[in-house]
Amino acid sequence: MACSGYVEDLKSEAAQGIQIEIKRCQPSELTVFNEEEN
């Protein structure tokens, strides 16, 4: 789901032409990437 406030920011900036595509896949392998916080 969208991060808190993200959709509201887009609306307030009058963003246009934004599209999303949601897929429900079942991959045979899953890669997990952990970002280190700075």
N, C-alpha and C. Protein backbone atom coordinates (compact mmCIF):
# COMPACT_ATOMS: atom_id res chain seq x y z
N MET A 1 0.83 -1.17 0.00
CA MET A 1 0.00 0.00 0.00
C MET A 1 0.88 1.24 0.00
N ALA A 2 0.24 2.34 -0.28
CA ALA A 2 0.97 3.60 -0.34
C ALA A 2 1.48 4.01 1.03
N CYS A 3 2.62 4.68 1.05
CA CYS A 3 3.15 5.21 2.30
C CYS A 3 2.23 6.32 2.79
N SER A 4 2.18 6.50 4.08
CA SER A 4 1.32 7.52 4.67
C SER A 4 1.63 8.89 4.08
N GLY A 5 0.61 9.55 3.53
CA GLY A 5 0.78 10.89 2.98
C GLY A 5 1.20 10.94 1.52
N TYR A 6 1.60 9.83 0.95
CA TYR A 6 2.09 9.82 -0.43
C TYR A 6 0.99 10.21 -1.42
N VAL A 7 -0.16 9.58 -1.30
CA VAL A 7 -1.27 9.87 -2.21
C VAL A 7 -1.73 11.31 -2.03
N GLU A 8 -1.79 11.77 -0.80
CA GLU A 8 -2.20 13.15 -0.53
C GLU A 8 -1.24 14.14 -1.17
N ASP A 9 0.07 13.86 -1.12
CA ASP A 9 1.07 14.72 -1.76
C ASP A 9 0.84 14.79 -3.26
N LEU A 10 0.58 13.65 -3.89
CA LEU A 10 0.34 13.63 -5.33
C LEU A 10 -0.90 14.46 -5.68
N LYS A 11 -1.95 14.32 -4.89
CA LYS A 11 -3.17 15.08 -5.15
C LYS A 11 -2.93 16.58 -4.99
N SER A 12 -2.20 16.98 -3.95
CA SER A 12 -1.96 18.40 -3.71
C SER A 12 -1.07 19.01 -4.79
N GLU A 13 -0.23 18.18 -5.43
CA GLU A 13 0.64 18.66 -6.50
C GLU A 13 -0.02 18.56 -7.86
N ALA A 14 -1.29 18.14 -7.90
CA ALA A 14 -2.06 17.96 -9.13
C ALA A 14 -1.32 17.04 -10.11
N ALA A 15 -0.75 15.96 -9.58
CA ALA A 15 -0.03 15.00 -10.42
C ALA A 15 -1.00 14.37 -11.42
N GLN A 16 -0.49 14.13 -12.64
CA GLN A 16 -1.32 13.56 -13.70
C GLN A 16 -0.58 12.42 -14.38
N GLY A 17 -1.34 11.52 -14.97
CA GLY A 17 -0.76 10.45 -15.79
C GLY A 17 -0.08 9.35 -14.99
N ILE A 18 -0.44 9.18 -13.74
CA ILE A 18 0.17 8.15 -12.91
C ILE A 18 -0.65 6.87 -13.03
N GLN A 19 0.05 5.76 -13.30
CA GLN A 19 -0.61 4.47 -13.43
C GLN A 19 0.08 3.46 -12.54
N ILE A 20 -0.68 2.47 -12.10
CA ILE A 20 -0.10 1.37 -11.33
C ILE A 20 -0.54 0.05 -11.93
N GLU A 21 0.24 -0.97 -11.68
CA GLU A 21 -0.12 -2.32 -12.10
C GLU A 21 0.21 -3.25 -10.94
N ILE A 22 -0.78 -3.98 -10.49
CA ILE A 22 -0.59 -4.90 -9.37
C ILE A 22 -0.65 -6.32 -9.90
N LYS A 23 0.38 -7.09 -9.61
CA LYS A 23 0.42 -8.48 -10.03
C LYS A 23 0.54 -9.38 -8.81
N ARG A 24 -0.15 -10.48 -8.84
CA ARG A 24 -0.03 -11.48 -7.79
C ARG A 24 0.70 -12.67 -8.39
N CYS A 25 1.99 -12.71 -8.16
CA CYS A 25 2.83 -13.76 -8.73
C CYS A 25 3.28 -14.72 -7.64
N GLN A 26 3.75 -15.87 -8.07
CA GLN A 26 4.30 -16.85 -7.14
C GLN A 26 5.69 -17.22 -7.63
N PRO A 27 6.69 -16.37 -7.33
CA PRO A 27 8.04 -16.64 -7.81
C PRO A 27 8.63 -17.89 -7.15
N SER A 28 9.49 -18.58 -7.90
CA SER A 28 10.14 -19.77 -7.34
C SER A 28 11.23 -19.39 -6.34
N GLU A 29 11.80 -18.18 -6.49
CA GLU A 29 12.81 -17.68 -5.57
C GLU A 29 12.47 -16.25 -5.20
N LEU A 30 12.82 -15.86 -3.98
CA LEU A 30 12.56 -14.51 -3.51
C LEU A 30 13.85 -13.90 -3.01
N THR A 31 14.21 -12.74 -3.53
CA THR A 31 15.41 -12.04 -3.09
C THR A 31 15.01 -10.99 -2.07
N VAL A 32 15.67 -11.00 -0.93
CA VAL A 32 15.40 -10.02 0.12
C VAL A 32 16.60 -9.09 0.20
N PHE A 33 16.34 -7.78 0.12
CA PHE A 33 17.40 -6.78 0.16
C PHE A 33 17.18 -5.91 1.38
N ASN A 34 18.16 -5.88 2.25
CA ASN A 34 18.07 -5.05 3.46
C ASN A 34 18.91 -3.80 3.27
N GLU A 35 18.26 -2.64 3.29
CA GLU A 35 19.00 -1.38 3.20
C GLU A 35 19.49 -0.99 4.58
N GLU A 36 20.72 -0.54 4.64
CA GLU A 36 21.26 -0.05 5.90
C GLU A 36 20.88 1.41 6.04
N GLU A 37 20.42 1.78 7.24
CA GLU A 37 20.07 3.18 7.47
C GLU A 37 21.33 3.97 7.75
N ASN A 38 21.39 5.18 7.19
CA ASN A 38 22.56 6.04 7.40
C ASN A 38 22.34 6.96 8.56
